[in-house]
Amino acid sequence: MNRLSTLLQRSSVSSSAAAPAPSADPFPVISYPPVAPPAEAPAVTIPDSTGTSLDTLEFVVTVGFGTPAQNYTLSIDTGSDVSWIQCLPCSGHCYKQHDSVFDPTKSTTYSAVPCGHPQCAAAGGKCSNGTCVYKVEYGDGSSTAGVLSHETLSLTSTQALPGFAFGCGQTNVGGFGDVDGLIGLGRGALSLSSQAAATFGATFSYCLPSFDTTHGYLTIGSTTPASNDKVQYTAMIQKKDYPSLYFVELVSIDIGGFILPVPPTVFTKDGTLLDSGTIVTYLPPEAYIALRDRFKFTMTQYKPAPAYDPFDTCYDFTGQSGLFLPGVSFKFSDGSVFDVSALGIMIFPDDTAPATGCLAFVPRPSTMPFNIIGNTQQRDTEVIYDVAAEKIGFDLGSC
C-alpha cells in the first residue's frame, strides 16, 4: 500500500427539494487570492494550513500550551472531541514529532484533572491514583492515552483559555505524521469549540486553504463571511449513536448540470458525515459509480493515467496550461446546496508525478457506517458550524 493510501485510511472519526442546478458548463481551475474573514467580537481567528510538510494530509494550526506558552502544531478534527499533545515522560510511547514534547513541569499553570471532576466523566470517568486518565481510539487503529489535564491554551498572543482540559498524551500510536497532537472540534463537552463557547459563543468556522502554499483560517466564535448573502446553510443533523459528530442530510449530487440517477435513500439510509479529518469523500458505491462515469464522460479531452490506489480515475495533464472540470454540487434535503470548489474535485497524489490528477472521491467500504464529505472537497470554502442554531453554512471562495 502506498503512502497516500495509508494516510487516507486515517479517518478521524473516534469510536427532496432541490435548488436550481448549476450551469452545465465546466469551469477552469483558477487561483483565488486569500481573503481575511471579518469576524464579529467575540471571536478569535488563527491561520490554518496544509500539513503536508509534517507528513499528514490533514490541516493544522499552531497554538500555545502552558505558562510560559510553548507552541505546538496540531491537526484540526471535527470528528473527535479530546484535544491532546504528546507529553513527557512518555511512559508508554511517543512518536517522532516536529517540536519538542511538552514538559508539564516547565509550566506554572499545568494541573491534572482529579477523579470526580465533571470533565473526567466526559472523558470516560477512568482514574489512576486519584488522577483522571483518558484514551481515544480512531478509525484506523491510531490511539492516544494519558492524563486528562488542565492548562492555559493560547490561541494568539492576546487570546487565551485558562483551565483548558486536554489530553497529556503519554502513549500515542498510529498515523499522525509529525504533528504534535490534535485539536478536537466535535460536539462533545471536551472539544475546543465546546469549552470556548462560554467565552466566544457556540459557533466556529474554518476555511481550508486552496493550495498547499497558502493559508486559510480557523475562527472560534461568530463570523461574518465575506459574501454573507451567498452562504448556503443546511440543517446540522445529530445521530444518537454518534453524538459528537456533525451530519448533513445529503440527497443528491449534481455534476456539470447532470443529477446522478440514484434515489435519495442511497444517501439518507446511513447518513453523511461532514469531517475535517477525513481526506477525501466516501460515497455509496452506487453513487460513486454514477459520479465517476459522468466525470469520465466530461473528461475525454484528457489523457487517462493508471489508477493510483485508492483512486481509480486518474489523468495525465502534462503540457496542459489549464484544466476544465465539471462543477460538482452536494444537494441537501432542505434545498440548500454546497458547490464544491474546482480545487476540491481532483487530488494530485504523487509528488513524483505532479501532472497526474485523480478524481478525489472513492466508494465507501462496507465497514464504514456512513458516507463522509472529506476535507479535500471543503477546500476554499468557509464552513460555518453554528451549533446553537443547529445549522452548517458553506461560503465558496473564502481562502
Protein backbone atom coordinates (compact mmCIF):
# COMPACT_ATOMS: atom_id res chain seq x y z
CA MET A 1 0.00 0.00 0.00
CA ASN A 2 1.47 3.38 -0.98
CA ARG A 3 1.92 6.25 1.47
CA LEU A 4 -1.13 8.16 0.26
CA SER A 5 -3.35 5.12 0.65
CA THR A 6 -2.07 4.70 4.19
CA LEU A 7 -2.81 8.33 5.01
CA LEU A 8 -6.30 8.11 3.56
CA GLN A 9 -7.10 5.31 5.99
CA ARG A 10 -6.63 7.83 8.83
CA SER A 11 -10.34 8.62 9.10
CA SER A 12 -10.57 10.94 12.10
CA VAL A 13 -13.86 9.65 13.49
CA SER A 14 -13.46 8.32 17.04
CA SER A 15 -15.31 5.47 18.27
CA SER A 16 -36.08 16.13 -1.90
CA ALA A 17 -36.45 19.77 -2.51
CA ALA A 18 -33.50 20.99 -4.54
CA ALA A 19 -32.04 24.32 -5.57
CA PRO A 20 -31.71 25.16 -9.27
CA ALA A 21 -28.99 23.15 -10.97
CA PRO A 22 -25.70 24.95 -11.61
CA SER A 23 -24.56 25.61 -15.12
CA ALA A 24 -23.60 22.56 -17.09
CA ASP A 25 -20.56 24.37 -18.43
CA PRO A 26 -17.30 23.19 -16.87
CA PHE A 27 -15.15 25.81 -15.26
CA PRO A 28 -11.38 26.20 -15.05
CA VAL A 29 -9.24 25.65 -12.01
CA ILE A 30 -8.22 29.16 -11.01
CA SER A 31 -6.30 30.74 -8.17
CA TYR A 32 -8.29 32.65 -5.57
CA PRO A 33 -6.43 35.26 -3.52
CA PRO A 34 -6.60 34.69 0.25
CA VAL A 35 -9.39 36.65 1.92
CA ALA A 36 -9.19 37.56 5.60
CA PRO A 37 -12.58 36.87 7.20
CA PRO A 38 -14.09 39.82 9.07
CA ALA A 39 -15.21 38.50 12.46
CA GLU A 40 -17.68 39.91 14.93
CA ALA A 41 -16.49 40.12 18.53
CA PRO A 42 -16.14 37.99 20.50
CA ALA A 43 -14.10 35.78 18.22
CA VAL A 44 -10.53 34.77 17.63
CA THR A 45 -9.07 33.82 14.25
CA ILE A 46 -5.84 31.90 13.68
CA PRO A 47 -4.22 30.70 10.44
CA ASP A 48 -4.52 27.13 9.27
CA SER A 49 -2.51 25.37 6.58
CA THR A 50 -1.97 22.01 4.97
CA GLY A 51 0.06 19.51 6.96
CA THR A 52 1.99 18.06 4.02
CA SER A 53 5.33 19.27 5.40
CA LEU A 54 4.51 17.33 8.58
CA ASP A 55 3.70 14.12 6.69
CA THR A 56 -0.07 14.41 7.06
CA LEU A 57 -2.88 15.24 4.64
CA GLU A 58 -4.90 16.81 7.43
CA PHE A 59 -4.93 20.55 8.12
CA VAL A 60 -3.09 22.14 11.02
CA VAL A 61 -2.98 25.16 13.32
CA THR A 62 -0.34 26.37 15.76
CA VAL A 63 -1.34 27.22 19.33
CA GLY A 64 0.42 27.62 22.67
CA PHE A 65 0.20 25.41 25.75
CA GLY A 66 1.30 26.36 29.24
CA THR A 67 2.86 29.34 31.02
CA PRO A 68 5.13 30.43 29.50
CA ALA A 69 3.44 29.30 26.30
CA GLN A 70 5.11 26.59 24.20
CA ASN A 71 3.90 26.49 20.61
CA TYR A 72 2.63 23.26 19.05
CA THR A 73 1.26 22.44 15.60
CA LEU A 74 -1.87 20.29 15.75
CA SER A 75 -4.30 18.70 13.30
CA ILE A 76 -7.83 20.13 13.40
CA ASP A 77 -10.51 17.47 13.62
CA THR A 78 -14.27 17.90 13.72
CA GLY A 79 -14.58 14.13 14.08
CA SER A 80 -13.33 13.95 17.68
CA ASP A 81 -13.61 15.84 20.98
CA VAL A 82 -10.47 15.47 23.07
CA SER A 83 -7.60 17.79 22.15
CA TRP A 84 -4.20 16.35 23.03
CA ILE A 85 -0.47 16.81 22.73
CA GLN A 86 2.36 14.41 23.43
CA CYS A 87 3.69 14.86 26.95
CA LEU A 88 6.71 13.85 28.95
CA PRO A 89 7.53 11.43 30.49
CA CYS A 90 6.13 9.41 27.52
CA SER A 91 5.82 6.43 29.82
CA GLY A 92 4.16 4.42 27.05
CA HIS A 93 5.17 5.60 23.58
CA CYS A 94 5.69 8.94 21.85
CA TYR A 95 6.20 9.05 18.09
CA LYS A 96 8.66 11.43 16.43
CA GLN A 97 7.11 14.89 16.20
CA HIS A 98 8.05 18.28 14.77
CA ASP A 99 8.59 20.13 18.06
CA SER A 100 9.92 19.23 21.49
CA VAL A 101 7.49 17.13 23.52
CA PHE A 102 5.54 19.16 26.10
CA ASP A 103 7.05 19.09 29.59
CA PRO A 104 4.34 19.81 32.21
CA THR A 105 6.97 20.55 34.87
CA LYS A 106 8.03 23.65 32.93
CA SER A 107 4.56 25.27 33.08
CA THR A 108 3.23 27.14 36.11
CA THR A 109 -0.40 26.63 35.06
CA TYR A 110 -0.49 22.86 34.49
CA SER A 111 -2.61 20.56 36.67
CA ALA A 112 -4.04 17.08 36.32
CA VAL A 113 -7.82 16.74 36.32
CA PRO A 114 -8.87 14.93 39.53
CA CYS A 115 -11.24 11.98 39.71
CA GLY A 116 -14.82 13.08 40.24
CA HIS A 117 -14.44 16.22 38.12
CA PRO A 118 -17.27 16.59 35.55
CA GLN A 119 -14.72 16.73 32.74
CA CYS A 120 -13.33 13.40 33.89
CA ALA A 121 -16.80 11.90 33.45
CA ALA A 122 -16.92 13.40 29.93
CA ALA A 123 -13.62 11.65 29.16
CA GLY A 124 -14.93 8.27 30.28
CA GLY A 125 -14.52 8.56 34.05
CA LYS A 126 -11.42 6.36 34.37
CA CYS A 127 -8.86 7.12 37.05
CA SER A 128 -5.42 6.08 38.21
CA ASN A 129 -4.09 7.04 41.66
CA GLY A 130 -6.69 9.76 42.04
CA THR A 131 -5.96 11.30 38.61
CA CYS A 132 -8.25 11.21 35.59
CA VAL A 133 -6.92 9.27 32.60
CA TYR A 134 -8.25 9.12 29.06
CA LYS A 135 -7.96 7.07 25.90
CA VAL A 136 -9.15 7.90 22.38
CA GLU A 137 -9.12 5.42 19.51
CA TYR A 138 -9.51 6.49 15.88
CA GLY A 139 -10.99 4.76 12.86
CA ASP A 140 -7.68 3.42 11.57
CA GLY A 141 -6.49 1.95 14.86
CA SER A 142 -4.45 5.01 15.90
CA SER A 143 -4.84 5.95 19.55
CA THR A 144 -3.76 8.34 22.27
CA ALA A 145 -3.86 7.81 26.02
CA GLY A 146 -2.58 9.62 29.06
CA VAL A 147 -3.59 12.05 31.79
CA LEU A 148 -6.54 14.41 31.36
CA SER A 149 -5.14 17.79 32.35
CA HIS A 150 -5.87 21.48 32.72
CA GLU A 151 -3.64 24.07 31.08
CA THR A 152 -3.71 27.55 29.62
CA LEU A 153 -4.33 27.35 25.86
CA SER A 154 -3.02 30.40 23.99
CA LEU A 155 -4.83 30.82 20.68
CA THR A 156 -2.99 34.08 19.98
CA SER A 157 -0.62 36.27 21.96
CA THR A 158 -3.62 38.13 23.41
CA GLN A 159 -6.37 35.47 23.47
CA ALA A 160 -6.12 32.53 25.85
CA LEU A 161 -8.38 29.96 27.50
CA PRO A 162 -7.22 29.31 31.08
CA GLY A 163 -8.01 25.91 32.53
CA PHE A 164 -8.45 24.26 29.15
CA ALA A 165 -9.00 20.50 29.51
CA PHE A 166 -6.77 18.47 27.19
CA GLY A 167 -5.11 15.10 26.96
CA CYS A 168 -1.50 14.97 28.09
CA GLY A 169 -0.65 12.03 25.85
CA GLN A 170 1.92 9.57 27.15
CA THR A 171 1.06 6.63 24.87
CA ASN A 172 0.39 7.72 21.30
CA VAL A 173 0.42 5.23 18.46
CA GLY A 174 -0.55 5.45 14.79
CA GLY A 175 -0.51 7.55 11.66
CA PHE A 176 -0.29 11.09 12.99
CA GLY A 177 2.64 12.18 10.84
CA ASP A 178 4.99 14.63 12.57
CA VAL A 179 2.29 16.85 14.10
CA ASP A 180 2.44 17.48 17.84
CA GLY A 181 -1.13 16.37 18.55
CA LEU A 182 -4.72 17.22 17.68
CA ILE A 183 -7.38 19.86 18.27
CA GLY A 184 -10.83 18.31 18.68
CA LEU A 185 -13.76 20.34 17.31
CA GLY A 186 -16.58 17.84 17.82
CA ARG A 187 -19.87 18.40 19.63
CA GLY A 188 -18.77 16.82 22.92
CA ALA A 189 -18.07 18.74 26.13
CA LEU A 190 -14.28 18.40 25.87
CA SER A 191 -13.82 19.83 22.36
CA LEU A 192 -12.16 23.21 21.90
CA SER A 193 -15.33 24.66 20.42
CA SER A 194 -17.45 23.46 23.36
CA GLN A 195 -15.00 24.65 26.02
CA ALA A 196 -14.68 28.03 24.27
CA ALA A 197 -18.45 28.50 23.90
CA ALA A 198 -18.83 30.35 27.21
CA THR A 199 -16.32 32.96 26.04
CA PHE A 200 -16.82 33.10 22.27
CA GLY A 201 -20.26 31.60 21.70
CA ALA A 202 -21.32 28.23 20.28
CA THR A 203 -20.06 28.92 16.77
CA PHE A 204 -16.84 28.20 14.92
CA SER A 205 -15.74 28.11 11.30
CA TYR A 206 -12.76 27.27 9.17
CA CYS A 207 -11.56 27.77 5.64
CA LEU A 208 -9.14 25.12 4.44
CA PRO A 209 -6.63 26.74 2.08
CA SER A 210 -6.93 26.37 -1.67
CA PHE A 211 -3.27 25.49 -2.16
CA ASP A 212 -0.51 23.89 -0.11
CA THR A 213 1.43 27.16 -0.31
CA THR A 214 -1.32 29.39 1.12
CA HIS A 215 -3.12 29.77 4.44
CA GLY A 216 -6.73 29.56 5.46
CA TYR A 217 -8.12 30.24 8.92
CA LEU A 218 -9.89 28.79 11.93
CA THR A 219 -12.27 31.12 13.76
CA ILE A 220 -13.60 30.33 17.21
CA GLY A 221 -16.69 32.47 17.74
CA SER A 222 -19.13 34.22 15.44
CA THR A 223 -18.04 35.12 11.95
CA THR A 224 -19.30 37.40 9.20
CA PRO A 225 -18.41 35.73 5.88
CA ALA A 226 -17.01 37.91 3.13
CA SER A 227 -20.01 37.08 0.95
CA ASN A 228 -22.67 36.65 3.63
CA ASP A 229 -25.57 36.79 1.16
CA LYS A 230 -24.15 33.74 -0.65
CA VAL A 231 -23.81 31.45 2.37
CA GLN A 232 -25.80 28.25 1.95
CA TYR A 233 -27.00 26.87 5.30
CA THR A 234 -28.25 23.35 5.85
CA ALA A 235 -29.52 21.62 8.96
CA MET A 236 -26.97 20.12 11.34
CA ILE A 237 -28.13 16.56 11.91
CA GLN A 238 -27.30 14.66 15.08
CA LYS A 239 -27.34 10.87 15.30
CA LYS A 240 -27.85 9.32 18.72
CA ASP A 241 -25.20 6.68 18.08
CA TYR A 242 -22.63 9.38 17.19
CA PRO A 243 -23.50 12.37 19.43
CA SER A 244 -20.18 14.19 18.86
CA LEU A 245 -20.29 14.17 15.05
CA TYR A 246 -21.72 16.62 12.51
CA PHE A 247 -24.06 15.07 9.96
CA VAL A 248 -25.87 16.66 7.00
CA GLU A 249 -28.74 15.18 5.01
CA LEU A 250 -27.27 14.74 1.53
CA VAL A 251 -29.89 13.63 -1.01
CA SER A 252 -28.27 14.11 -4.43
CA ILE A 253 -25.14 15.16 -6.31
CA ASP A 254 -25.03 17.37 -9.40
CA ILE A 255 -22.06 17.11 -11.77
CA GLY A 256 -21.93 19.60 -14.63
CA GLY A 257 -25.72 20.10 -14.52
CA PHE A 258 -26.37 16.35 -14.51
CA ILE A 259 -28.03 14.98 -11.36
CA LEU A 260 -26.82 11.50 -10.56
CA PRO A 261 -29.59 8.97 -11.28
CA VAL A 262 -29.70 7.46 -7.79
CA PRO A 263 -32.57 7.80 -5.30
CA PRO A 264 -32.12 10.00 -2.19
CA THR A 265 -32.39 6.93 0.03
CA VAL A 266 -28.99 5.78 -1.26
CA PHE A 267 -27.53 8.70 0.71
CA THR A 268 -30.01 9.04 3.57
CA LYS A 269 -30.13 5.38 4.58
CA ASP A 270 -26.93 5.65 6.62
CA GLY A 271 -26.39 9.43 6.62
CA THR A 272 -23.49 11.66 5.62
CA LEU A 273 -20.81 12.97 7.96
CA LEU A 274 -19.04 16.28 7.38
CA ASP A 275 -15.48 15.83 8.65
CA SER A 276 -12.34 17.95 8.53
CA GLY A 277 -10.13 14.99 9.47
CA THR A 278 -11.03 12.62 6.61
CA ILE A 279 -9.10 13.34 3.42
CA VAL A 280 -11.48 12.52 0.56
CA THR A 281 -15.22 11.95 0.12
CA TYR A 282 -16.62 8.46 0.58
CA LEU A 283 -19.85 7.81 -1.33
CA PRO A 284 -22.20 4.84 -1.52
CA PRO A 285 -20.79 2.60 -4.27
CA GLU A 286 -23.87 3.11 -6.47
CA ALA A 287 -23.50 6.88 -6.27
CA TYR A 288 -19.74 6.75 -6.75
CA ILE A 289 -20.02 4.69 -9.95
CA ALA A 290 -22.55 7.13 -11.36
CA LEU A 291 -20.35 10.12 -10.46
CA ARG A 292 -17.20 8.50 -11.85
CA ASP A 293 -18.84 7.52 -15.12
CA ARG A 294 -20.25 11.00 -15.67
CA PHE A 295 -16.89 12.56 -14.79
CA LYS A 296 -15.17 10.36 -17.37
CA PHE A 297 -17.78 11.39 -19.94
CA THR A 298 -16.83 15.04 -19.46
CA MET A 299 -13.05 14.45 -19.43
CA THR A 300 -12.47 12.73 -22.78
CA GLN A 301 -10.14 15.52 -23.95
CA TYR A 302 -7.54 14.48 -21.35
CA LYS A 303 -5.14 11.53 -21.37
CA PRO A 304 -6.07 8.79 -18.87
CA ALA A 305 -3.41 7.73 -16.37
CA PRO A 306 -3.06 4.49 -14.40
CA ALA A 307 -5.08 4.16 -11.21
CA TYR A 308 -3.38 5.33 -8.03
CA ASP A 309 -4.66 3.40 -5.02
CA PRO A 310 -7.32 4.12 -3.79
CA PHE A 311 -8.26 6.28 -6.81
CA ASP A 312 -9.41 4.56 -9.98
CA THR A 313 -9.99 7.62 -12.21
CA CYS A 314 -6.79 9.50 -12.99
CA TYR A 315 -5.42 11.66 -15.82
CA ASP A 316 -2.06 12.82 -17.10
CA PHE A 317 -2.21 16.60 -17.51
CA THR A 318 1.35 17.03 -18.76
CA GLY A 319 1.56 20.08 -21.04
CA GLN A 320 -1.88 21.41 -20.12
CA SER A 321 -1.98 25.14 -19.38
CA GLY A 322 -5.33 24.91 -17.59
CA LEU A 323 -7.91 22.34 -16.59
CA PHE A 324 -11.61 22.44 -17.30
CA LEU A 325 -13.63 20.37 -14.88
CA PRO A 326 -17.37 19.79 -14.49
CA GLY A 327 -18.83 21.52 -11.45
CA VAL A 328 -19.84 19.28 -8.55
CA SER A 329 -22.55 20.21 -6.04
CA PHE A 330 -23.90 18.44 -2.98
CA LYS A 331 -27.64 18.94 -2.54
CA PHE A 332 -29.37 18.59 0.81
CA SER A 333 -32.91 17.67 1.79
CA ASP A 334 -33.81 21.23 2.85
CA GLY A 335 -32.94 22.62 -0.58
CA SER A 336 -29.54 24.10 0.27
CA VAL A 337 -26.54 23.42 -1.98
CA PHE A 338 -22.81 23.09 -1.32
CA ASP A 339 -20.93 23.91 -4.52
CA VAL A 340 -17.55 22.20 -4.34
CA SER A 341 -14.62 24.35 -5.40
CA ALA A 342 -12.88 23.29 -8.58
CA LEU A 343 -9.86 22.81 -6.33
CA GLY A 344 -11.72 20.14 -4.37
CA ILE A 345 -12.72 17.90 -7.27
CA MET A 346 -9.32 16.39 -8.03
CA ILE A 347 -6.33 15.38 -5.97
CA PHE A 348 -2.72 15.16 -7.16
CA PRO A 349 -1.46 12.26 -5.06
CA ASP A 350 2.07 11.58 -6.31
CA ASP A 351 4.81 14.14 -5.72
CA THR A 352 6.97 12.33 -8.27
CA ALA A 353 4.30 12.76 -10.97
CA PRO A 354 2.87 16.23 -10.25
CA ALA A 355 0.88 16.32 -13.50
CA THR A 356 -1.16 13.25 -12.55
CA GLY A 357 -4.53 14.12 -11.04
CA CYS A 358 -7.27 11.80 -9.79
CA LEU A 359 -10.95 12.22 -9.03
CA ALA A 360 -10.96 12.89 -5.27
CA PHE A 361 -13.93 10.66 -4.45
CA VAL A 362 -13.92 6.96 -3.57
CA PRO A 363 -16.55 4.28 -2.96
CA ARG A 364 -17.40 3.79 0.68
CA PRO A 365 -16.13 0.46 2.07
CA SER A 366 -18.67 -1.89 3.60
CA THR A 367 -17.08 -1.46 7.02
CA MET A 368 -17.72 2.31 7.04
CA PRO A 369 -21.03 3.04 8.82
CA PHE A 370 -21.90 6.23 6.91
CA ASN A 371 -20.90 8.43 3.98
CA ILE A 372 -18.27 11.13 4.57
CA ILE A 373 -17.65 14.52 2.94
CA GLY A 374 -13.90 14.93 3.44
CA ASN A 375 -11.56 17.88 3.71
CA THR A 376 -10.40 17.90 0.07
CA GLN A 377 -13.94 18.80 -1.01
CA GLN A 378 -14.09 21.51 1.66
CA ARG A 379 -11.04 23.44 0.43
CA ASP A 380 -11.52 27.11 -0.50
CA THR A 381 -14.86 27.19 1.35
CA GLU A 382 -15.63 28.71 4.72
CA VAL A 383 -17.56 26.05 6.62
CA ILE A 384 -19.58 27.62 9.44
CA TYR A 385 -20.71 25.46 12.37
CA ASP A 386 -23.49 27.33 14.16
CA VAL A 387 -24.04 24.77 16.90
CA ALA A 388 -26.53 26.93 18.81
CA ALA A 389 -28.75 27.26 15.73
CA GLU A 390 -28.12 23.65 14.63
CA LYS A 391 -27.00 24.60 11.12
CA ILE A 392 -23.90 24.43 8.93
CA GLY A 393 -23.09 27.06 6.31
CA PHE A 394 -20.93 26.95 3.18
CA ASP A 395 -19.32 30.05 1.65
CA LEU A 396 -17.34 29.23 -1.50
CA GLY A 397 -14.18 31.10 -2.45
CA SER A 398 -13.22 32.27 1.03
CA CYS A 399 -9.50 31.42 1.19
